[in-house]
Amino acid sequence: MERQDRQLDVLRAIVQDYVRSREPVGSRNLVERYNLGVSPATIRNDMATLEEEGYIAQPHTSAGRIPTDKGYRAFVDRINVVKPLSTAERRAIAELLDSAVDLDDVLERTVRLLSQLTQQVAVVQYPSLRRSALRHVELVPAGARRLMIVIITDTGRVEQRSIDHDVQVDDTLLAELRARLNAAGVGRRMPELVRAFGEIVAAFPPEDRALVTEITEVVTDTLSEEVEERIVMAGTANLARADVDFTRTISPVLEALEQQVVLLRLLTEMGEESPLAVRIGAETHNEGLSETAVVAGAYGTFGDGSGFGQVGVVGPTRMDYPSTMAAVRAVARYLSKILAS
């Protein structure tokens, strides 16, 4: 066990040194830079074992060693504690996101901020409308025979619909309907919302039920829409600076990032694994992303414990995993706080 622990220490040192220097790591580097408490000969033997077991590889003859995907995975799996961001970094997150004006602005600011913090590509999954619960319904007269219905969800989305009606709607009816809709519907998702609104319709006199039914159907239909899910992305220029980390060109990575369905599927899968998940190389199950790592964290929480969506980072496998994981977790938590307020 002691030998295995020592070899993991050697692997950890190789990963950290390679991430910092971008240069293959030799035994001399480890002896000079890390206090591993063993002789150079022992380190060389440990490196030979790590290479034999597939954790490190020699990119060129007479060169040092670099971590493999398996080596990065072993390193990530042994990150026991994700260190919090600095006070200055947390303050920067708060100041930027607190001043956002709506959901679109929040998500745009989120990916820009995360890209700056990690110097990687940042992505955020737009919250699903179909999985959202109702936060508020507002009914706004838009003319003598026109009514605007504003629907606000618990994920922060705002949808507007309008209807034309045959009769003049007095303010008393509108106020009562608005109050009943919000009292019965807030916090509910489909199909609970349909049942709650059905009871509302029955509470109004027959002459008002047609209009009440139409309004409730607009709300429920809106929350049932198959709105195409999408992601917001920032920082693709960071890949150009990381070009040396790819054995091929960055073109396959860029092409994969352009396929939103690929990223959406990957983020959804990662959200089912863990609140903070990491996929490395072939674990992404996409050829274009085979030389990348993806770190993703869930933001927001529905009643069943699932998240609104995922926020994450895409970069080369040679990334600073502890710092990236800390940034993703911090941003996801603050995004959750913003959307809950």
Protein backbone atom coordinates (compact mmCIF):
# COMPACT_ATOMS: atom_id res chain seq x y z
CA MET A 1 0.00 0.00 0.00
CA GLU A 2 2.89 2.34 0.85
CA ARG A 3 4.38 1.75 -2.58
CA GLN A 4 1.08 2.47 -4.30
CA ASP A 5 0.65 5.70 -2.31
CA ARG A 6 4.18 6.76 -3.27
CA GLN A 7 3.50 6.04 -6.95
CA LEU A 8 0.34 8.13 -6.75
CA ASP A 9 2.42 10.94 -5.27
CA VAL A 10 4.80 10.61 -8.22
CA LEU A 11 1.86 10.65 -10.64
CA ARG A 12 0.42 13.72 -8.92
CA ALA A 13 3.77 15.48 -9.22
CA ILE A 14 4.02 14.59 -12.92
CA VAL A 15 0.54 15.93 -13.62
CA GLN A 16 1.16 19.16 -11.73
CA ASP A 17 4.55 19.71 -13.35
CA TYR A 18 3.29 18.99 -16.86
CA VAL A 19 0.25 21.26 -16.43
CA ARG A 20 2.53 24.06 -15.24
CA SER A 21 5.40 23.67 -17.74
CA ARG A 22 3.84 21.98 -20.79
CA GLU A 23 7.10 20.01 -20.99
CA PRO A 24 7.47 16.23 -20.55
CA VAL A 25 8.59 15.49 -17.02
CA GLY A 26 11.78 13.60 -16.25
CA SER A 27 12.89 12.01 -12.99
CA ARG A 28 15.42 14.80 -12.47
CA ASN A 29 12.64 17.40 -12.53
CA LEU A 30 10.76 15.50 -9.84
CA VAL A 31 13.84 15.20 -7.63
CA GLU A 32 14.64 18.90 -7.95
CA ARG A 33 11.13 20.34 -7.64
CA TYR A 34 9.26 17.96 -5.35
CA ASN A 35 10.16 16.60 -1.96
CA LEU A 36 9.02 13.02 -2.51
CA GLY A 37 11.25 11.61 0.20
CA VAL A 38 12.82 8.85 -1.91
CA SER A 39 15.92 8.41 -4.04
CA PRO A 40 16.11 9.28 -7.76
CA ALA A 41 16.42 5.56 -8.50
CA THR A 42 13.16 4.84 -6.69
CA ILE A 43 11.41 7.62 -8.60
CA ARG A 44 12.67 6.17 -11.90
CA ASN A 45 11.35 2.75 -10.90
CA ASP A 46 7.99 4.24 -9.94
CA MET A 47 7.80 6.08 -13.25
CA ALA A 48 8.55 2.83 -15.10
CA THR A 49 5.71 1.14 -13.24
CA LEU A 50 3.31 4.02 -13.95
CA GLU A 51 4.22 3.86 -17.63
CA GLU A 52 3.76 0.10 -17.74
CA GLU A 53 0.31 0.47 -16.17
CA GLY A 54 -0.71 3.18 -18.65
CA TYR A 55 -0.79 6.22 -16.36
CA ILE A 56 2.04 8.07 -18.13
CA ALA A 57 3.61 7.86 -21.57
CA GLN A 58 6.80 8.89 -23.35
CA PRO A 59 5.90 11.14 -26.30
CA HIS A 60 9.39 11.02 -27.83
CA THR A 61 12.50 8.91 -27.44
CA SER A 62 14.80 10.21 -24.69
CA ALA A 63 12.04 12.56 -23.52
CA GLY A 64 10.37 12.76 -20.15
CA ARG A 65 6.88 11.46 -19.47
CA ILE A 66 3.44 13.02 -19.79
CA PRO A 67 0.15 11.93 -18.19
CA THR A 68 -2.27 9.81 -20.20
CA ASP A 69 -6.05 10.10 -19.96
CA LYS A 70 -5.89 7.26 -17.44
CA GLY A 71 -3.32 9.21 -15.44
CA TYR A 72 -5.45 12.35 -15.43
CA ARG A 73 -8.45 10.28 -14.34
CA ALA A 74 -6.52 8.79 -11.41
CA PHE A 75 -5.38 12.29 -10.46
CA VAL A 76 -8.91 13.75 -10.62
CA ASP A 77 -10.44 10.85 -8.69
CA ARG A 78 -8.05 11.55 -5.83
CA ILE A 79 -8.85 15.24 -5.50
CA ASN A 80 -10.50 14.86 -2.12
CA VAL A 81 -11.26 18.51 -1.46
CA VAL A 82 -11.96 21.19 -4.05
CA LYS A 83 -10.42 24.34 -2.63
CA PRO A 84 -12.66 27.42 -2.61
CA LEU A 85 -11.92 30.41 -4.78
CA SER A 86 -10.19 33.42 -3.31
CA THR A 87 -12.18 36.24 -1.76
CA ALA A 88 -11.36 38.46 -4.74
CA GLU A 89 -12.59 35.83 -7.20
CA ARG A 90 -15.82 35.29 -5.28
CA ARG A 91 -16.37 39.05 -5.11
CA ALA A 92 -15.86 39.33 -8.89
CA ILE A 93 -18.50 36.62 -9.46
CA ALA A 94 -20.99 38.39 -7.19
CA GLU A 95 -20.44 41.84 -8.68
CA LEU A 96 -20.81 40.62 -12.27
CA LEU A 97 -23.84 38.37 -11.84
CA ASP A 98 -25.74 40.54 -9.35
CA SER A 99 -26.00 43.34 -11.92
CA ALA A 100 -27.58 41.14 -14.63
CA VAL A 101 -30.99 42.32 -15.80
CA ASP A 102 -32.63 39.05 -16.94
CA LEU A 103 -31.97 35.35 -17.54
CA ASP A 104 -30.30 35.85 -20.92
CA ASP A 105 -27.99 38.45 -19.42
CA VAL A 106 -27.21 36.20 -16.42
CA LEU A 107 -26.20 33.29 -18.65
CA GLU A 108 -24.13 35.45 -21.00
CA ARG A 109 -22.29 36.95 -18.03
CA THR A 110 -21.83 33.50 -16.50
CA VAL A 111 -19.97 32.03 -19.48
CA ARG A 112 -17.84 35.13 -19.97
CA LEU A 113 -16.86 35.08 -16.31
CA LEU A 114 -16.12 31.35 -16.22
CA SER A 115 -14.06 31.61 -19.39
CA GLN A 116 -12.00 34.40 -17.84
CA LEU A 117 -11.50 32.50 -14.59
CA THR A 118 -10.33 29.29 -16.27
CA GLN A 119 -8.91 30.54 -19.58
CA GLN A 120 -10.90 27.76 -21.26
CA VAL A 121 -14.13 27.49 -23.25
CA ALA A 122 -17.14 27.99 -20.96
CA VAL A 123 -20.62 26.64 -21.66
CA VAL A 124 -23.95 26.83 -19.86
CA GLN A 125 -27.06 24.84 -20.60
CA TYR A 126 -30.21 26.95 -20.91
CA PRO A 127 -32.83 25.88 -18.33
CA SER A 128 -35.55 23.73 -19.84
CA LEU A 129 -38.94 25.41 -20.14
CA ARG A 130 -40.79 22.09 -19.95
CA ARG A 131 -39.23 21.24 -16.59
CA SER A 132 -39.87 24.66 -15.08
CA ALA A 133 -42.35 25.47 -12.36
CA LEU A 134 -44.50 28.58 -12.33
CA ARG A 135 -43.20 31.54 -10.33
CA HIS A 136 -45.69 34.25 -11.34
CA VAL A 137 -48.41 35.07 -13.87
CA GLU A 138 -49.19 38.65 -14.77
CA LEU A 139 -52.24 39.73 -16.80
CA VAL A 140 -51.81 43.08 -18.56
CA PRO A 141 -54.54 44.77 -20.64
CA ALA A 142 -53.08 45.72 -24.03
CA GLY A 143 -56.16 47.36 -25.48
CA ALA A 144 -59.93 47.16 -25.29
CA ARG A 145 -60.04 43.57 -26.60
CA ARG A 146 -56.46 42.36 -26.09
CA LEU A 147 -54.74 40.84 -23.09
CA MET A 148 -51.05 40.14 -22.57
CA ILE A 149 -50.11 37.15 -20.39
CA VAL A 150 -46.62 37.27 -18.83
CA ILE A 151 -45.35 33.94 -17.50
CA ILE A 152 -42.31 33.84 -15.21
CA THR A 153 -40.80 30.47 -14.31
CA ASP A 154 -38.72 29.40 -11.33
CA THR A 155 -35.70 29.13 -13.66
CA GLY A 156 -35.94 32.83 -14.45
CA ARG A 157 -37.40 32.51 -17.92
CA VAL A 158 -39.96 35.10 -18.98
CA GLU A 159 -42.46 34.26 -21.71
CA GLN A 160 -45.09 36.60 -23.13
CA ARG A 161 -48.28 35.57 -24.91
CA SER A 162 -51.28 37.62 -25.99
CA ILE A 163 -54.91 36.77 -26.68
CA ASP A 164 -57.82 38.63 -28.25
CA HIS A 165 -61.19 38.36 -26.53
CA ASP A 166 -64.73 39.26 -27.50
CA VAL A 167 -65.84 41.08 -24.37
CA GLN A 168 -64.55 43.92 -22.26
CA VAL A 169 -62.73 42.52 -19.23
CA ASP A 170 -63.27 44.59 -16.12
CA ASP A 171 -60.46 45.20 -13.66
CA THR A 172 -62.23 43.32 -10.87
CA LEU A 173 -62.35 40.08 -12.87
CA LEU A 174 -58.74 40.51 -13.97
CA ALA A 175 -57.54 41.10 -10.41
CA GLU A 176 -59.42 38.07 -9.08
CA LEU A 177 -58.16 35.83 -11.88
CA ARG A 178 -54.57 37.02 -11.41
CA ALA A 179 -54.76 36.33 -7.68
CA ARG A 180 -56.28 32.87 -8.14
CA LEU A 181 -53.78 31.84 -10.82
CA ASN A 182 -50.81 32.76 -8.65
CA ALA A 183 -52.26 31.30 -5.45
CA ALA A 184 -52.97 27.96 -7.10
CA GLY A 185 -50.12 27.72 -9.56
CA VAL A 186 -46.93 29.10 -8.01
CA GLY A 187 -44.34 26.37 -7.52
CA ARG A 188 -46.26 23.80 -9.58
CA ARG A 189 -45.11 22.03 -12.71
CA MET A 190 -47.05 20.02 -15.25
CA PRO A 191 -49.32 18.09 -14.76
CA GLU A 192 -50.07 19.46 -11.27
CA LEU A 193 -50.61 22.85 -12.84
CA VAL A 194 -53.36 21.54 -15.13
CA ARG A 195 -55.30 20.10 -12.20
CA ALA A 196 -54.92 23.28 -10.14
CA PHE A 197 -56.07 25.50 -12.99
CA GLY A 198 -59.04 23.22 -13.69
CA GLU A 199 -60.32 23.97 -10.21
CA ILE A 200 -59.94 27.70 -10.86
CA VAL A 201 -62.10 27.57 -13.99
CA ALA A 202 -64.89 25.87 -12.05
CA ALA A 203 -64.83 28.63 -9.42
CA PHE A 204 -65.88 31.36 -11.89
CA PRO A 205 -69.44 32.00 -13.11
CA PRO A 206 -70.37 30.38 -16.47
CA GLU A 207 -70.19 33.67 -18.40
CA ASP A 208 -66.50 34.12 -17.50
CA ARG A 209 -65.32 30.53 -17.92
CA ALA A 210 -64.49 30.71 -21.62
CA LEU A 211 -62.02 33.54 -21.05
CA VAL A 212 -60.61 31.95 -17.88
CA THR A 213 -60.17 28.63 -19.70
CA GLU A 214 -58.36 30.31 -22.58
CA ILE A 215 -55.95 32.10 -20.23
CA THR A 216 -55.14 28.97 -18.20
CA GLU A 217 -54.58 26.99 -21.39
CA VAL A 218 -52.14 29.61 -22.67
CA VAL A 219 -50.10 29.27 -19.46
CA THR A 220 -50.07 25.47 -19.45
CA ASP A 221 -49.43 25.23 -23.20
CA THR A 222 -46.49 27.59 -22.87
CA LEU A 223 -44.93 25.50 -20.11
CA SER A 224 -45.49 22.36 -22.22
CA GLU A 225 -43.83 23.67 -25.36
CA GLU A 226 -41.04 21.66 -26.95
CA VAL A 227 -38.70 24.62 -26.92
CA GLU A 228 -35.36 23.68 -28.46
CA GLU A 229 -32.77 23.46 -25.72
CA ARG A 230 -29.61 25.38 -26.33
CA ILE A 231 -26.35 26.37 -24.75
CA VAL A 232 -24.52 29.66 -24.35
CA MET A 233 -20.77 29.59 -24.98
CA ALA A 234 -17.78 31.90 -24.58
CA GLY A 235 -14.01 31.71 -24.79
CA THR A 236 -13.45 29.67 -27.95
CA ALA A 237 -10.48 31.95 -28.67
CA ASN A 238 -8.80 30.36 -25.66
CA LEU A 239 -8.43 27.17 -27.68
CA ALA A 240 -6.07 28.94 -30.06
CA ARG A 241 -3.72 29.61 -27.18
CA ALA A 242 -3.95 25.95 -26.21
CA ASP A 243 -3.24 24.70 -29.74
CA VAL A 244 0.07 23.18 -28.65
CA ASP A 245 -1.85 20.84 -26.35
CA PHE A 246 -3.48 19.03 -29.27
CA THR A 247 -1.60 16.51 -31.39
CA ARG A 248 -3.92 17.41 -34.25
CA THR A 249 -5.31 20.84 -35.12
CA ILE A 250 -8.07 22.36 -33.02
CA SER A 251 -10.52 22.09 -35.95
CA PRO A 252 -12.19 18.86 -34.70
CA VAL A 253 -12.71 20.47 -31.29
CA LEU A 254 -14.26 23.59 -32.81
CA GLU A 255 -16.52 21.47 -35.01
CA ALA A 256 -17.69 19.46 -32.00
CA LEU A 257 -18.40 22.64 -30.04
CA GLU A 258 -20.52 23.95 -32.91
CA GLN A 259 -22.76 20.87 -32.65
CA GLN A 260 -24.89 21.97 -29.75
CA VAL A 261 -26.74 18.66 -29.66
CA VAL A 262 -23.43 16.93 -28.87
CA LEU A 263 -22.68 19.24 -25.96
CA LEU A 264 -26.24 19.15 -24.66
CA ARG A 265 -26.22 15.36 -24.59
CA LEU A 266 -22.81 15.31 -22.88
CA LEU A 267 -23.81 17.90 -20.25
CA THR A 268 -27.07 16.08 -19.56
CA GLU A 269 -25.22 12.79 -19.05
CA MET A 270 -22.71 14.45 -16.73
CA GLY A 271 -25.54 16.00 -14.72
CA GLU A 272 -26.83 12.49 -14.01
CA GLU A 273 -23.41 11.39 -12.69
CA SER A 274 -22.57 13.93 -10.03
CA PRO A 275 -23.15 17.57 -9.00
CA LEU A 276 -19.56 18.17 -10.16
CA ALA A 277 -18.42 15.78 -12.90
CA VAL A 278 -15.31 15.44 -15.08
CA ARG A 279 -15.02 13.66 -18.43
CA ILE A 280 -11.53 13.14 -19.85
CA GLY A 281 -10.58 12.27 -23.44
CA ALA A 282 -12.42 9.19 -24.72
CA GLU A 283 -14.88 9.48 -21.83
CA THR A 284 -16.61 12.26 -23.80
CA HIS A 285 -17.63 9.60 -26.38
CA ASN A 286 -17.01 12.07 -29.19
CA GLU A 287 -14.06 11.90 -31.58
CA GLY A 288 -13.83 15.66 -31.89
CA LEU A 289 -13.51 16.02 -28.11
CA SER A 290 -11.13 13.06 -27.66
CA GLU A 291 -8.24 15.34 -26.68
CA THR A 292 -10.28 17.52 -24.35
CA ALA A 293 -11.55 17.40 -20.80
CA VAL A 294 -14.96 18.66 -19.70
CA VAL A 295 -15.72 19.82 -16.16
CA ALA A 296 -19.42 20.43 -15.45
CA GLY A 297 -21.51 21.35 -12.44
CA ALA A 298 -25.26 21.49 -11.91
CA TYR A 299 -26.93 24.81 -11.14
CA GLY A 300 -30.32 25.39 -9.58
CA THR A 301 -32.41 22.68 -7.94
CA PHE A 302 -35.86 21.39 -8.76
CA GLY A 303 -38.04 19.79 -6.13
CA ASP A 304 -36.82 16.31 -7.12
CA GLY A 305 -33.20 17.33 -6.52
CA SER A 306 -32.23 17.60 -10.19
CA GLY A 307 -30.63 20.76 -11.56
CA PHE A 308 -31.98 23.39 -13.93
CA GLY A 309 -29.01 22.68 -16.18
CA GLN A 310 -25.24 22.40 -16.33
CA VAL A 311 -22.49 24.98 -16.44
CA GLY A 312 -19.05 23.81 -17.48
CA VAL A 313 -15.66 24.19 -19.07
CA VAL A 314 -14.10 22.53 -22.12
CA GLY A 315 -10.34 22.56 -22.55
CA PRO A 316 -7.35 20.37 -23.33
CA THR A 317 -6.71 17.37 -21.07
CA ARG A 318 -3.66 19.29 -19.84
CA MET A 319 -5.69 21.59 -17.64
CA ASP A 320 -5.46 22.70 -14.04
CA TYR A 321 -8.18 20.38 -12.77
CA PRO A 322 -8.35 21.54 -9.11
CA SER A 323 -8.66 25.22 -10.06
CA THR A 324 -11.08 24.52 -12.90
CA MET A 325 -13.29 22.35 -10.70
CA ALA A 326 -13.29 25.05 -8.01
CA ALA A 327 -14.29 27.74 -10.54
CA VAL A 328 -17.09 25.65 -12.06
CA ARG A 329 -18.48 24.76 -8.63
CA ALA A 330 -18.36 28.36 -7.39
CA VAL A 331 -20.01 29.79 -10.50
CA ALA A 332 -22.70 27.08 -10.50
CA ARG A 333 -23.51 27.81 -6.86
CA TYR A 334 -23.75 31.54 -7.41
CA LEU A 335 -25.86 31.06 -10.54
CA SER A 336 -28.22 28.93 -8.43
CA LYS A 337 -28.43 31.70 -5.86
CA ILE A 338 -29.20 34.34 -8.51
CA LEU A 339 -31.99 32.28 -10.09
CA ALA A 340 -33.53 31.49 -6.71
CA SER A 341 -33.76 35.14 -5.70
